Amino acid sequence: MEEAEKELERRSKFLSSLIQKKKSIEQQEGLKVHVRACDMPLPLQNHAFHYARLHLESLLPGTKLDSKLLALSLKKVT
């Protein structure tokens, strides 16, 4: 009986991870972000996009994004 419970738990975790991956891919496709020029390594780009997304999500509706403030806060994080 324990083996069956362990197998069900393993499958549940696997399915949960698949669902989370699919949601993150759909969310990234919805952003429609394109890199115009790049002079930084890929891991740093990923970090910058992740942080920018968090910054955008934390803004109140109706407020404009201040690119200078975003750049300064990104420098502080990295």
Protein backbone atom coordinates (compact mmCIF):
# COMPACT_ATOMS: atom_id res chain seq x y z
CA MET A 1 0.00 0.00 0.00
CA GLU A 2 2.86 2.37 0.82
CA GLU A 3 4.40 1.80 -2.58
CA ALA A 4 1.16 2.78 -4.29
CA GLU A 5 0.95 5.97 -2.22
CA LYS A 6 4.56 6.84 -3.06
CA GLU A 7 3.91 6.25 -6.75
CA LEU A 8 0.81 8.46 -6.67
CA GLU A 9 2.74 11.21 -4.89
CA ARG A 10 5.58 10.97 -7.42
CA ARG A 11 3.15 11.20 -10.33
CA SER A 12 1.36 14.12 -8.71
CA LYS A 13 4.62 16.04 -8.30
CA PHE A 14 5.58 15.28 -11.90
CA LEU A 15 2.23 16.51 -13.24
CA SER A 16 2.42 19.64 -11.09
CA SER A 17 5.85 20.46 -12.47
CA LEU A 18 4.60 19.95 -16.04
CA ILE A 19 1.66 22.29 -15.42
CA GLN A 20 3.94 24.96 -13.93
CA LYS A 21 6.33 24.73 -16.89
CA LYS A 22 3.46 25.07 -19.34
CA LYS A 23 2.07 28.09 -17.48
CA SER A 24 5.46 29.80 -17.46
CA ILE A 25 5.90 29.19 -21.20
CA GLU A 26 2.43 30.60 -21.91
CA GLN A 27 3.20 33.62 -19.74
CA GLN A 28 6.48 34.27 -21.55
CA GLU A 29 4.75 34.01 -24.92
CA GLY A 30 2.14 36.50 -23.74
CA LEU A 31 4.78 39.11 -22.91
CA LYS A 32 5.96 39.37 -26.53
CA VAL A 33 9.35 40.77 -25.53
CA HIS A 34 12.01 41.05 -28.21
CA VAL A 35 15.69 41.81 -27.64
CA ARG A 36 16.87 44.47 -30.07
CA ALA A 37 20.55 44.51 -29.13
CA CYS A 38 22.54 42.51 -26.64
CA ASP A 39 25.94 42.83 -25.10
CA MET A 40 25.37 40.77 -21.94
CA PRO A 41 25.55 37.03 -21.33
CA LEU A 42 22.37 34.95 -21.54
CA PRO A 43 22.07 34.20 -17.78
CA LEU A 44 22.26 37.91 -17.03
CA GLN A 45 19.61 38.59 -19.68
CA ASN A 46 17.31 36.01 -18.12
CA HIS A 47 17.84 37.58 -14.71
CA ALA A 48 17.10 41.04 -16.11
CA PHE A 49 13.88 39.91 -17.81
CA HIS A 50 12.77 38.08 -14.67
CA TYR A 51 13.40 41.11 -12.48
CA ALA A 52 11.74 43.47 -14.99
CA ARG A 53 8.66 41.23 -15.06
CA LEU A 54 8.49 41.28 -11.26
CA HIS A 55 8.84 45.06 -11.31
CA LEU A 56 6.04 45.40 -13.89
CA GLU A 57 3.73 43.13 -11.92
CA SER A 58 4.31 45.15 -8.74
CA LEU A 59 3.25 48.44 -10.36
CA LEU A 60 -0.20 49.77 -9.63
CA PRO A 61 -2.61 49.80 -12.58
CA GLY A 62 -2.42 53.05 -14.50
CA THR A 63 1.15 53.92 -13.48
CA LYS A 64 3.79 54.25 -16.15
CA LEU A 65 7.01 52.31 -16.10
CA ASP A 66 10.01 54.51 -15.43
CA SER A 67 12.86 52.91 -17.38
CA LYS A 68 15.52 54.84 -15.47
CA LEU A 69 14.15 53.64 -12.13
CA LEU A 70 14.00 50.08 -13.46
CA ALA A 71 17.61 50.27 -14.67
CA LEU A 72 18.84 51.65 -11.35
CA SER A 73 16.98 49.03 -9.33
CA LEU A 74 18.27 46.28 -11.64
CA LYS A 75 21.84 47.46 -11.06
CA LYS A 76 21.29 47.23 -7.30
CA VAL A 77 20.06 43.64 -7.57
CA THR A 78 22.84 42.26 -9.75
